[in-house]
């Protein structure tokens, strides 16, 4: 009987030890999985993506990878930027800096076609203008995603390039400005400059850039647009000093108030009148001129 009790006690003790070892093994496995997840570069907390872990000043695995242009490439306007990314809300930020002065001469963004934030998606962006000419041929393209916490640059790709800005021209786009016209007198608009490749259709190019709206730097300086997004130019004809430009219906979508109507007309009219061949501007929507963008 005593031997049976001793055997039972030993069996129970061995079983407890086995269970303890099992828990310890599971804990070690969980810690290993956590460490691997950190090394892969993505750790999800709710709907946020954490930045890649840093080793020797560089991300172990970057969430943004640029395919082209390659470092040291020679480029001319327009040129394409392409790559892949897995970033917050799929937004990839692009900046171009003058390598000599550090001045930002382009800002924009592209969307990665990721199915969800845990997967890479390809992105592409055509750089068709600069905000100003660089002082030399040396520029730096920066591709990154902005931290949702503080806006800092995460997974930064810094790509030195050489640009030939010789065959370019400056176009003016006209916007409202809350600093230059704090009372918002509606029809007062002010120019910003865009540097583009020389073109045989500068008026069309200027209108297309106007419809793209303000850059981040423009906004910081008080510029804003009164024109709806997704407006499309259907035709532009300049003849005998008159520019006739036809837009789709998005130009007048939910546009109300005489002030905004005046601002829209002024932005389009002044952008076209910068060209010496344009004295008058006629705006139409789907061919209509009489009853459009009414207050």
C-alpha atoms as a PDB file:
ATOM      1  CA  UNK A   1       0.000   0.000   0.000  1.00  0.00           C
ATOM      2  CA  UNK A   2       2.777   2.399   0.958  1.00  0.00           C
ATOM      3  CA  UNK A   3       4.586   1.538  -2.272  1.00  0.00           C
ATOM      4  CA  UNK A   4       1.463   2.315  -4.243  1.00  0.00           C
ATOM      5  CA  UNK A   5       1.133   5.749  -2.584  1.00  0.00           C
ATOM      6  CA  UNK A   6       4.781   6.564  -3.270  1.00  0.00           C
ATOM      7  CA  UNK A   7       4.389   5.541  -6.935  1.00  0.00           C
ATOM      8  CA  UNK A   8       1.246   7.658  -7.247  1.00  0.00           C
ATOM      9  CA  UNK A   9       2.972  10.666  -5.736  1.00  0.00           C
ATOM     10  CA  UNK A  10       5.943  10.267  -8.101  1.00  0.00           C
ATOM     11  CA  UNK A  11       3.574   9.981 -11.072  1.00  0.00           C
ATOM     12  CA  UNK A  12       1.717  13.187 -10.072  1.00  0.00           C
ATOM     13  CA  UNK A  13       4.994  15.019  -9.527  1.00  0.00           C
ATOM     14  CA  UNK A  14       6.303  13.944 -12.960  1.00  0.00           C
ATOM     15  CA  UNK A  15       3.021  15.032 -14.585  1.00  0.00           C
ATOM     16  CA  UNK A  16       3.241  18.491 -13.000  1.00  0.00           C
ATOM     17  CA  UNK A  17       6.836  18.847 -14.176  1.00  0.00           C
ATOM     18  CA  UNK A  18       5.811  17.829 -17.726  1.00  0.00           C
ATOM     19  CA  UNK A  19       3.026  20.431 -17.788  1.00  0.00           C
ATOM     20  CA  UNK A  20       5.448  23.086 -16.501  1.00  0.00           C
ATOM     21  CA  UNK A  21       7.936  22.242 -19.279  1.00  0.00           C
ATOM     22  CA  UNK A  22       5.114  22.437 -21.830  1.00  0.00           C
ATOM     23  CA  UNK A  23       4.147  25.958 -20.682  1.00  0.00           C
ATOM     24  CA  UNK A  24       7.795  27.029 -20.782  1.00  0.00           C
ATOM     25  CA  UNK A  25       8.153  25.674 -24.327  1.00  0.00           C
ATOM     26  CA  UNK A  26       5.025  27.531 -25.470  1.00  0.00           C
ATOM     27  CA  UNK A  27       6.297  30.759 -23.887  1.00  0.00           C
ATOM     28  CA  UNK A  28       9.650  30.425 -25.694  1.00  0.00           C
ATOM     29  CA  UNK A  29       7.813  29.750 -28.982  1.00  0.00           C
ATOM     30  CA  UNK A  30       5.611  32.843 -28.518  1.00  0.00           C
ATOM     31  CA  UNK A  31       8.646  35.036 -27.834  1.00  0.00           C
ATOM     32  CA  UNK A  32      10.365  33.626 -30.937  1.00  0.00           C
ATOM     33  CA  UNK A  33       7.352  34.414 -33.143  1.00  0.00           C
ATOM     34  CA  UNK A  34       7.226  37.958 -31.730  1.00  0.00           C
ATOM     35  CA  UNK A  35      10.914  38.548 -32.475  1.00  0.00           C
ATOM     36  CA  UNK A  36      10.538  37.201 -36.022  1.00  0.00           C
ATOM     37  CA  UNK A  37       7.563  39.517 -36.601  1.00  0.00           C
ATOM     38  CA  UNK A  38       9.681  42.474 -35.558  1.00  0.00           C
ATOM     39  CA  UNK A  39      12.496  41.427 -37.887  1.00  0.00           C
ATOM     40  CA  UNK A  40      10.158  41.066 -40.871  1.00  0.00           C
ATOM     41  CA  UNK A  41       9.397  44.751 -40.548  1.00  0.00           C
ATOM     42  CA  UNK A  42       5.678  44.933 -39.857  1.00  0.00           C
ATOM     43  CA  UNK A  43       3.962  44.837 -36.510  1.00  0.00           C
ATOM     44  CA  UNK A  44       0.253  45.584 -36.436  1.00  0.00           C
ATOM     45  CA  UNK A  45      -1.425  47.294 -33.523  1.00  0.00           C
ATOM     46  CA  UNK A  46      -5.039  47.855 -34.414  1.00  0.00           C
ATOM     47  CA  UNK A  47      -5.041  49.516 -37.827  1.00  0.00           C
ATOM     48  CA  UNK A  48      -1.521  50.995 -37.624  1.00  0.00           C
ATOM     49  CA  UNK A  49       1.675  49.838 -39.290  1.00  0.00           C
ATOM     50  CA  UNK A  50       4.852  50.293 -37.320  1.00  0.00           C
ATOM     51  CA  UNK A  51       8.038  51.384 -39.064  1.00  0.00           C
ATOM     52  CA  UNK A  52      10.653  48.785 -39.989  1.00  0.00           C
ATOM     53  CA  UNK A  53      13.223  47.993 -37.283  1.00  0.00           C
ATOM     54  CA  UNK A  54      16.533  49.794 -37.730  1.00  0.00           C
ATOM     55  CA  UNK A  55      19.935  48.134 -37.897  1.00  0.00           C
ATOM     56  CA  UNK A  56      23.118  50.129 -38.580  1.00  0.00           C
ATOM     57  CA  UNK A  57      20.980  53.116 -39.485  1.00  0.00           C
ATOM     58  CA  UNK A  58      18.968  51.236 -42.156  1.00  0.00           C
ATOM     59  CA  UNK A  59      15.612  49.396 -42.071  1.00  0.00           C
ATOM     60  CA  UNK A  60      16.065  45.605 -42.033  1.00  0.00           C
ATOM     61  CA  UNK A  61      13.225  45.240 -44.530  1.00  0.00           C
ATOM     62  CA  UNK A  62      11.793  48.445 -45.996  1.00  0.00           C
ATOM     63  CA  UNK A  63       8.066  48.904 -46.429  1.00  0.00           C
ATOM     64  CA  UNK A  64       8.831  51.097 -49.473  1.00  0.00           C
ATOM     65  CA  UNK A  65      10.964  49.859 -52.357  1.00  0.00           C
ATOM     66  CA  UNK A  66      11.677  52.000 -55.442  1.00  0.00           C
ATOM     67  CA  UNK A  67      12.231  50.236 -58.774  1.00  0.00           C
ATOM     68  CA  UNK A  68      12.938  53.295 -60.913  1.00  0.00           C
ATOM     69  CA  UNK A  69      14.622  55.638 -61.431  1.00  0.00           C
ATOM     70  CA  UNK A  70      17.866  54.091 -60.278  1.00  0.00           C
ATOM     71  CA  UNK A  71      20.387  56.053 -58.241  1.00  0.00           C
ATOM     72  CA  UNK A  72      22.521  58.310 -60.406  1.00  0.00           C
ATOM     73  CA  UNK A  73      20.134  58.178 -63.377  1.00  0.00           C
ATOM     74  CA  UNK A  74      19.768  61.057 -65.822  1.00  0.00           C
ATOM     75  CA  UNK A  75      16.148  62.233 -66.100  1.00  0.00           C
ATOM     76  CA  UNK A  76      14.134  64.843 -67.972  1.00  0.00           C
ATOM     77  CA  UNK A  77      10.592  66.049 -67.432  1.00  0.00           C
ATOM     78  CA  UNK A  78       8.324  64.168 -67.426  1.00  0.00           C
ATOM     79  CA  UNK A  79       9.734  61.025 -65.797  1.00  0.00           C
ATOM     80  CA  UNK A  80       8.169  58.116 -63.934  1.00  0.00           C
ATOM     81  CA  UNK A  81       8.707  56.831 -60.407  1.00  0.00           C
ATOM     82  CA  UNK A  82       7.652  53.245 -59.695  1.00  0.00           C
ATOM     83  CA  UNK A  83       7.998  50.775 -56.863  1.00  0.00           C
ATOM     84  CA  UNK A  84       6.134  48.744 -54.289  1.00  0.00           C
ATOM     85  CA  UNK A  85       4.938  49.575 -50.780  1.00  0.00           C
ATOM     86  CA  UNK A  86       2.917  48.309 -47.812  1.00  0.00           C
ATOM     87  CA  UNK A  87       2.086  51.458 -45.892  1.00  0.00           C
ATOM     88  CA  UNK A  88      -0.659  53.132 -43.889  1.00  0.00           C
ATOM     89  CA  UNK A  89      -3.710  53.819 -46.100  1.00  0.00           C
ATOM     90  CA  UNK A  90      -1.524  52.880 -49.114  1.00  0.00           C
ATOM     91  CA  UNK A  91      -0.273  56.489 -49.423  1.00  0.00           C
ATOM     92  CA  UNK A  92       3.296  56.846 -50.707  1.00  0.00           C
ATOM     93  CA  UNK A  93       4.860  60.316 -50.446  1.00  0.00           C
ATOM     94  CA  UNK A  94       7.309  61.775 -52.963  1.00  0.00           C
ATOM     95  CA  UNK A  95       9.568  64.813 -52.675  1.00  0.00           C
ATOM     96  CA  UNK A  96      12.291  66.193 -54.905  1.00  0.00           C
ATOM     97  CA  UNK A  97      14.956  68.460 -53.431  1.00  0.00           C
ATOM     98  CA  UNK A  98      17.584  70.665 -55.002  1.00  0.00           C
ATOM     99  CA  UNK A  99      20.752  68.824 -53.940  1.00  0.00           C
ATOM    100  CA  UNK A 100      22.690  72.093 -53.706  1.00  0.00           C
ATOM    101  CA  UNK A 101      20.273  74.120 -51.577  1.00  0.00           C
ATOM    102  CA  UNK A 102      18.022  71.473 -49.999  1.00  0.00           C
ATOM    103  CA  UNK A 103      14.977  73.370 -51.284  1.00  0.00           C
ATOM    104  CA  UNK A 104      11.888  71.256 -52.011  1.00  0.00           C
ATOM    105  CA  UNK A 105      11.067  71.601 -55.709  1.00  0.00           C
ATOM    106  CA  UNK A 106       8.357  68.923 -55.927  1.00  0.00           C
ATOM    107  CA  UNK A 107       5.851  67.311 -53.594  1.00  0.00           C
ATOM    108  CA  UNK A 108       3.256  64.709 -54.436  1.00  0.00           C
ATOM    109  CA  UNK A 109       1.926  61.277 -53.565  1.00  0.00           C
ATOM    110  CA  UNK A 110       0.979  57.962 -55.146  1.00  0.00           C
ATOM    111  CA  UNK A 111      -1.336  55.119 -54.159  1.00  0.00           C
ATOM    112  CA  UNK A 112      -0.065  51.559 -53.798  1.00  0.00           C
ATOM    113  CA  UNK A 113      -2.553  49.024 -55.138  1.00  0.00           C
ATOM    114  CA  UNK A 114      -2.372  46.835 -52.014  1.00  0.00           C
ATOM    115  CA  UNK A 115      -5.354  44.616 -51.198  1.00  0.00           C
ATOM    116  CA  UNK A 116      -4.752  45.420 -47.536  1.00  0.00           C
ATOM    117  CA  UNK A 117      -2.041  47.037 -45.434  1.00  0.00           C
ATOM    118  CA  UNK A 118      -0.276  43.745 -44.721  1.00  0.00           C
ATOM    119  CA  UNK A 119       0.582  43.200 -48.394  1.00  0.00           C
ATOM    120  CA  UNK A 120       2.851  44.985 -50.828  1.00  0.00           C
ATOM    121  CA  UNK A 121       1.226  46.796 -53.739  1.00  0.00           C
ATOM    122  CA  UNK A 122       2.785  48.459 -56.762  1.00  0.00           C
ATOM    123  CA  UNK A 123       2.701  52.230 -57.210  1.00  0.00           C
ATOM    124  CA  UNK A 124       3.604  54.602 -60.011  1.00  0.00           C
ATOM    125  CA  UNK A 125       3.739  58.364 -60.431  1.00  0.00           C
ATOM    126  CA  UNK A 126       4.567  60.604 -63.378  1.00  0.00           C
ATOM    127  CA  UNK A 127       6.567  63.662 -62.361  1.00  0.00           C
ATOM    128  CA  UNK A 128       5.437  66.194 -64.976  1.00  0.00           C
ATOM    129  CA  UNK A 129       6.379  69.464 -63.273  1.00  0.00           C
ATOM    130  CA  UNK A 130       8.639  71.097 -60.717  1.00  0.00           C
ATOM    131  CA  UNK A 131       7.763  73.966 -58.390  1.00  0.00           C
ATOM    132  CA  UNK A 132      11.005  75.723 -59.336  1.00  0.00           C
ATOM    133  CA  UNK A 133      14.206  75.048 -61.257  1.00  0.00           C
ATOM    134  CA  UNK A 134      17.121  73.521 -59.351  1.00  0.00           C
ATOM    135  CA  UNK A 135      20.312  75.569 -59.192  1.00  0.00           C
ATOM    136  CA  UNK A 136      22.271  72.688 -60.703  1.00  0.00           C
ATOM    137  CA  UNK A 137      21.552  69.383 -62.423  1.00  0.00           C
ATOM    138  CA  UNK A 138      21.803  67.517 -59.105  1.00  0.00           C
ATOM    139  CA  UNK A 139      18.532  66.648 -57.397  1.00  0.00           C
ATOM    140  CA  UNK A 140      17.436  64.112 -54.776  1.00  0.00           C
ATOM    141  CA  UNK A 141      14.218  62.106 -55.054  1.00  0.00           C
ATOM    142  CA  UNK A 142      12.793  61.030 -51.689  1.00  0.00           C
ATOM    143  CA  UNK A 143      10.129  58.308 -51.488  1.00  0.00           C
ATOM    144  CA  UNK A 144       8.652  57.409 -48.093  1.00  0.00           C
ATOM    145  CA  UNK A 145       5.480  57.200 -46.054  1.00  0.00           C
ATOM    146  CA  UNK A 146       4.501  59.720 -43.416  1.00  0.00           C
ATOM    147  CA  UNK A 147       4.098  58.618 -39.808  1.00  0.00           C
ATOM    148  CA  UNK A 148       0.454  58.882 -38.637  1.00  0.00           C
ATOM    149  CA  UNK A 149       1.851  59.946 -35.248  1.00  0.00           C
ATOM    150  CA  UNK A 150       4.048  62.925 -36.125  1.00  0.00           C
ATOM    151  CA  UNK A 151       4.415  63.094 -39.919  1.00  0.00           C
ATOM    152  CA  UNK A 152       8.055  61.985 -39.852  1.00  0.00           C
ATOM    153  CA  UNK A 153       9.484  60.196 -42.891  1.00  0.00           C
ATOM    154  CA  UNK A 154       9.450  56.414 -42.524  1.00  0.00           C
ATOM    155  CA  UNK A 155      11.219  53.864 -44.760  1.00  0.00           C
ATOM    156  CA  UNK A 156      12.895  56.735 -46.595  1.00  0.00           C
ATOM    157  CA  UNK A 157      14.408  56.023 -50.018  1.00  0.00           C
ATOM    158  CA  UNK A 158      16.829  58.824 -50.948  1.00  0.00           C
ATOM    159  CA  UNK A 159      17.791  58.643 -54.633  1.00  0.00           C
ATOM    160  CA  UNK A 160      20.323  61.095 -56.139  1.00  0.00           C
ATOM    161  CA  UNK A 161      19.557  61.976 -59.775  1.00  0.00           C
ATOM    162  CA  UNK A 162      20.743  64.321 -62.489  1.00  0.00           C
ATOM    163  CA  UNK A 163      18.081  66.308 -64.338  1.00  0.00           C
ATOM    164  CA  UNK A 164      18.327  68.158 -67.607  1.00  0.00           C
ATOM    165  CA  UNK A 165      16.089  71.187 -67.005  1.00  0.00           C
ATOM    166  CA  UNK A 166      17.260  73.020 -70.103  1.00  0.00           C
ATOM    167  CA  UNK A 167      14.274  72.379 -72.363  1.00  0.00           C
ATOM    168  CA  UNK A 168      11.671  73.570 -69.883  1.00  0.00           C
ATOM    169  CA  UNK A 169       9.292  76.487 -69.582  1.00  0.00           C
ATOM    170  CA  UNK A 170       7.491  78.213 -66.699  1.00  0.00           C
ATOM    171  CA  UNK A 171       3.683  78.243 -66.570  1.00  0.00           C
ATOM    172  CA  UNK A 172       1.472  80.232 -64.194  1.00  0.00           C
ATOM    173  CA  UNK A 173      -1.524  78.775 -62.381  1.00  0.00           C
ATOM    174  CA  UNK A 174      -3.948  81.069 -60.578  1.00  0.00           C
ATOM    175  CA  UNK A 175      -5.447  80.293 -57.175  1.00  0.00           C
ATOM    176  CA  UNK A 176      -7.159  82.106 -54.336  1.00  0.00           C
ATOM    177  CA  UNK A 177      -4.965  83.000 -51.358  1.00  0.00           C
ATOM    178  CA  UNK A 178      -6.146  83.481 -47.790  1.00  0.00           C
ATOM    179  CA  UNK A 179      -3.023  85.476 -46.824  1.00  0.00           C
ATOM    180  CA  UNK A 180      -2.869  87.812 -49.813  1.00  0.00           C
ATOM    181  CA  UNK A 181      -6.655  88.285 -49.831  1.00  0.00           C
ATOM    182  CA  UNK A 182      -7.841  87.631 -46.253  1.00  0.00           C
ATOM    183  CA  UNK A 183     -11.305  89.070 -46.930  1.00  0.00           C
ATOM    184  CA  UNK A 184     -11.709  86.661 -49.880  1.00  0.00           C
ATOM    185  CA  UNK A 185     -12.922  89.046 -52.544  1.00  0.00           C
ATOM    186  CA  UNK A 186     -13.833  86.047 -54.747  1.00  0.00           C
ATOM    187  CA  UNK A 187     -12.471  87.110 -58.101  1.00  0.00           C
ATOM    188  CA  UNK A 188      -8.951  87.952 -56.879  1.00  0.00           C
ATOM    189  CA  UNK A 189      -6.547  85.171 -57.806  1.00  0.00           C
ATOM    190  CA  UNK A 190      -2.770  84.950 -57.549  1.00  0.00           C
ATOM    191  CA  UNK A 191      -0.145  83.063 -59.571  1.00  0.00           C
ATOM    192  CA  UNK A 192       2.084  80.160 -58.637  1.00  0.00           C
ATOM    193  CA  UNK A 193       4.685  78.769 -61.008  1.00  0.00           C
ATOM    194  CA  UNK A 194       5.188  75.313 -62.457  1.00  0.00           C
ATOM    195  CA  UNK A 195       8.254  74.259 -64.439  1.00  0.00           C
ATOM    196  CA  UNK A 196       7.316  71.856 -67.250  1.00  0.00           C
ATOM    197  CA  UNK A 197       8.873  70.397 -70.367  1.00  0.00           C
ATOM    198  CA  UNK A 198       8.516  72.613 -73.397  1.00  0.00           C
ATOM    199  CA  UNK A 199       5.253  71.815 -75.169  1.00  0.00           C
ATOM    200  CA  UNK A 200       3.359  72.848 -78.292  1.00  0.00           C
ATOM    201  CA  UNK A 201       0.177  73.072 -76.189  1.00  0.00           C
ATOM    202  CA  UNK A 202       1.106  75.203 -73.153  1.00  0.00           C
ATOM    203  CA  UNK A 203      -2.457  76.421 -72.565  1.00  0.00           C
ATOM    204  CA  UNK A 204      -3.770  72.857 -72.264  1.00  0.00           C
ATOM    205  CA  UNK A 205      -0.873  71.933 -69.982  1.00  0.00           C
ATOM    206  CA  UNK A 206      -1.539  74.954 -67.757  1.00  0.00           C
ATOM    207  CA  UNK A 207      -5.232  74.051 -67.423  1.00  0.00           C
ATOM    208  CA  UNK A 208      -4.422  70.417 -66.631  1.00  0.00           C
ATOM    209  CA  UNK A 209      -2.017  71.503 -63.900  1.00  0.00           C
ATOM    210  CA  UNK A 210      -4.598  73.980 -62.583  1.00  0.00           C
ATOM    211  CA  UNK A 211      -7.092  71.126 -62.205  1.00  0.00           C
ATOM    212  CA  UNK A 212      -4.519  69.138 -60.207  1.00  0.00           C
ATOM    213  CA  UNK A 213      -4.848  71.820 -57.545  1.00  0.00           C
ATOM    214  CA  UNK A 214      -2.383  73.215 -55.046  1.00  0.00           C
ATOM    215  CA  UNK A 215       0.785  71.559 -53.820  1.00  0.00           C
ATOM    216  CA  UNK A 216       1.552  71.101 -50.121  1.00  0.00           C
ATOM    217  CA  UNK A 217       3.931  74.067 -50.327  1.00  0.00           C
ATOM    218  CA  UNK A 218       1.255  76.209 -52.006  1.00  0.00           C
ATOM    219  CA  UNK A 219      -1.139  75.414 -49.163  1.00  0.00           C
ATOM    220  CA  UNK A 220       1.462  76.445 -46.574  1.00  0.00           C
ATOM    221  CA  UNK A 221       1.639  79.823 -48.337  1.00  0.00           C
ATOM    222  CA  UNK A 222      -2.139  80.311 -48.198  1.00  0.00           C
ATOM    223  CA  UNK A 223      -3.100  79.200 -51.711  1.00  0.00           C
ATOM    224  CA  UNK A 224      -6.259  77.163 -52.281  1.00  0.00           C
ATOM    225  CA  UNK A 225      -8.476  76.215 -55.195  1.00  0.00           C
ATOM    226  CA  UNK A 226     -12.215  76.713 -55.620  1.00  0.00           C
ATOM    227  CA  UNK A 227     -12.418  74.141 -58.445  1.00  0.00           C
ATOM    228  CA  UNK A 228     -13.840  70.691 -57.682  1.00  0.00           C
ATOM    229  CA  UNK A 229     -11.619  67.609 -57.890  1.00  0.00           C
ATOM    230  CA  UNK A 230     -12.019  65.230 -60.854  1.00  0.00           C
ATOM    231  CA  UNK A 231     -12.889  67.999 -63.327  1.00  0.00           C
ATOM    232  CA  UNK A 232     -11.898  67.016 -66.885  1.00  0.00           C
ATOM    233  CA  UNK A 233     -11.134  69.146 -69.927  1.00  0.00           C
ATOM    234  CA  UNK A 234     -13.124  67.909 -72.919  1.00  0.00           C
ATOM    235  CA  UNK A 235     -11.784  70.396 -75.463  1.00  0.00           C
ATOM    236  CA  UNK A 236      -9.784  73.600 -75.781  1.00  0.00           C
ATOM    237  CA  UNK A 237      -9.777  75.712 -78.930  1.00  0.00           C
ATOM    238  CA  UNK A 238      -7.966  79.058 -79.261  1.00  0.00           C
ATOM    239  CA  UNK A 239      -8.909  81.111 -82.304  1.00  0.00           C
ATOM    240  CA  UNK A 240      -8.921  84.839 -83.108  1.00  0.00           C
ATOM    241  CA  UNK A 241      -7.934  85.763 -79.547  1.00  0.00           C
ATOM    242  CA  UNK A 242     -10.717  83.723 -77.889  1.00  0.00           C
ATOM    243  CA  UNK A 243     -10.159  80.532 -75.894  1.00  0.00           C
ATOM    244  CA  UNK A 244     -13.144  78.204 -75.798  1.00  0.00           C
ATOM    245  CA  UNK A 245     -12.756  75.536 -73.134  1.00  0.00           C
ATOM    246  CA  UNK A 246     -15.296  72.796 -72.442  1.00  0.00           C
ATOM    247  CA  UNK A 247     -15.398  70.814 -69.168  1.00  0.00           C
ATOM    248  CA  UNK A 248     -17.386  67.871 -67.873  1.00  0.00           C
ATOM    249  CA  UNK A 249     -20.268  68.346 -65.434  1.00  0.00           C
ATOM    250  CA  UNK A 250     -17.973  67.945 -62.407  1.00  0.00           C
ATOM    251  CA  UNK A 251     -17.018  71.625 -62.787  1.00  0.00           C
ATOM    252  CA  UNK A 252     -20.428  72.706 -61.466  1.00  0.00           C
ATOM    253  CA  UNK A 253     -21.167  69.761 -59.158  1.00  0.00           C
ATOM    254  CA  UNK A 254     -22.570  71.114 -55.862  1.00  0.00           C
ATOM    255  CA  UNK A 255     -21.157  74.557 -56.620  1.00  0.00           C
ATOM    256  CA  UNK A 256     -23.200  77.231 -54.896  1.00  0.00           C
ATOM    257  CA  UNK A 257     -22.818  80.908 -54.109  1.00  0.00           C
ATOM    258  CA  UNK A 258     -21.842  83.766 -56.383  1.00  0.00           C
ATOM    259  CA  UNK A 259     -18.469  84.137 -54.655  1.00  0.00           C
ATOM    260  CA  UNK A 260     -17.280  80.615 -55.454  1.00  0.00           C
ATOM    261  CA  UNK A 261     -18.622  80.882 -59.015  1.00  0.00           C
ATOM    262  CA  UNK A 262     -16.576  84.066 -59.513  1.00  0.00           C
ATOM    263  CA  UNK A 263     -13.492  82.407 -58.052  1.00  0.00           C
ATOM    264  CA  UNK A 264     -13.780  79.412 -60.402  1.00  0.00           C
ATOM    265  CA  UNK A 265     -14.204  81.619 -63.454  1.00  0.00           C
ATOM    266  CA  UNK A 266     -11.267  83.816 -62.405  1.00  0.00           C
ATOM    267  CA  UNK A 267      -8.938  80.864 -61.879  1.00  0.00           C
ATOM    268  CA  UNK A 268      -9.660  79.483 -65.363  1.00  0.00           C
ATOM    269  CA  UNK A 269      -9.740  82.849 -67.142  1.00  0.00           C
ATOM    270  CA  UNK A 270      -6.511  84.246 -65.663  1.00  0.00           C
ATOM    271  CA  UNK A 271      -4.650  80.974 -66.224  1.00  0.00           C
ATOM    272  CA  UNK A 272      -5.538  81.143 -69.929  1.00  0.00           C
ATOM    273  CA  UNK A 273      -4.969  84.893 -70.311  1.00  0.00           C
ATOM    274  CA  UNK A 274      -1.286  84.551 -69.424  1.00  0.00           C
ATOM    275  CA  UNK A 275      -0.793  83.560 -73.063  1.00  0.00           C
ATOM    276  CA  UNK A 276      -0.580  86.468 -75.544  1.00  0.00           C
ATOM    277  CA  UNK A 277      -2.879  84.683 -78.017  1.00  0.00           C
ATOM    278  CA  UNK A 278      -5.773  84.723 -75.499  1.00  0.00           C
ATOM    279  CA  UNK A 279      -7.795  87.908 -74.940  1.00  0.00           C
ATOM    280  CA  UNK A 280     -11.178  86.396 -74.069  1.00  0.00           C
ATOM    281  CA  UNK A 281     -12.289  83.117 -72.479  1.00  0.00           C
ATOM    282  CA  UNK A 282     -15.576  81.254 -73.003  1.00  0.00           C
ATOM    283  CA  UNK A 283     -16.278  78.441 -70.529  1.00  0.00           C
ATOM    284  CA  UNK A 284     -18.746  75.662 -71.325  1.00  0.00           C
ATOM    285  CA  UNK A 285     -19.896  72.392 -69.750  1.00  0.00           C
ATOM    286  CA  UNK A 286     -20.812  69.621 -72.170  1.00  0.00           C
ATOM    287  CA  UNK A 287     -21.222  72.340 -74.809  1.00  0.00           C
ATOM    288  CA  UNK A 288     -23.519  74.534 -72.663  1.00  0.00           C
ATOM    289  CA  UNK A 289     -22.525  78.146 -71.990  1.00  0.00           C
ATOM    290  CA  UNK A 290     -25.702  79.896 -70.818  1.00  0.00           C
ATOM    291  CA  UNK A 291     -26.779  78.108 -67.634  1.00  0.00           C
ATOM    292  CA  UNK A 292     -23.519  76.842 -66.155  1.00  0.00           C
ATOM    293  CA  UNK A 293     -21.927  77.322 -62.699  1.00  0.00           C
ATOM    294  CA  UNK A 294     -24.776  79.554 -61.577  1.00  0.00           C
ATOM    295  CA  UNK A 295     -24.697  81.058 -58.049  1.00  0.00           C
END
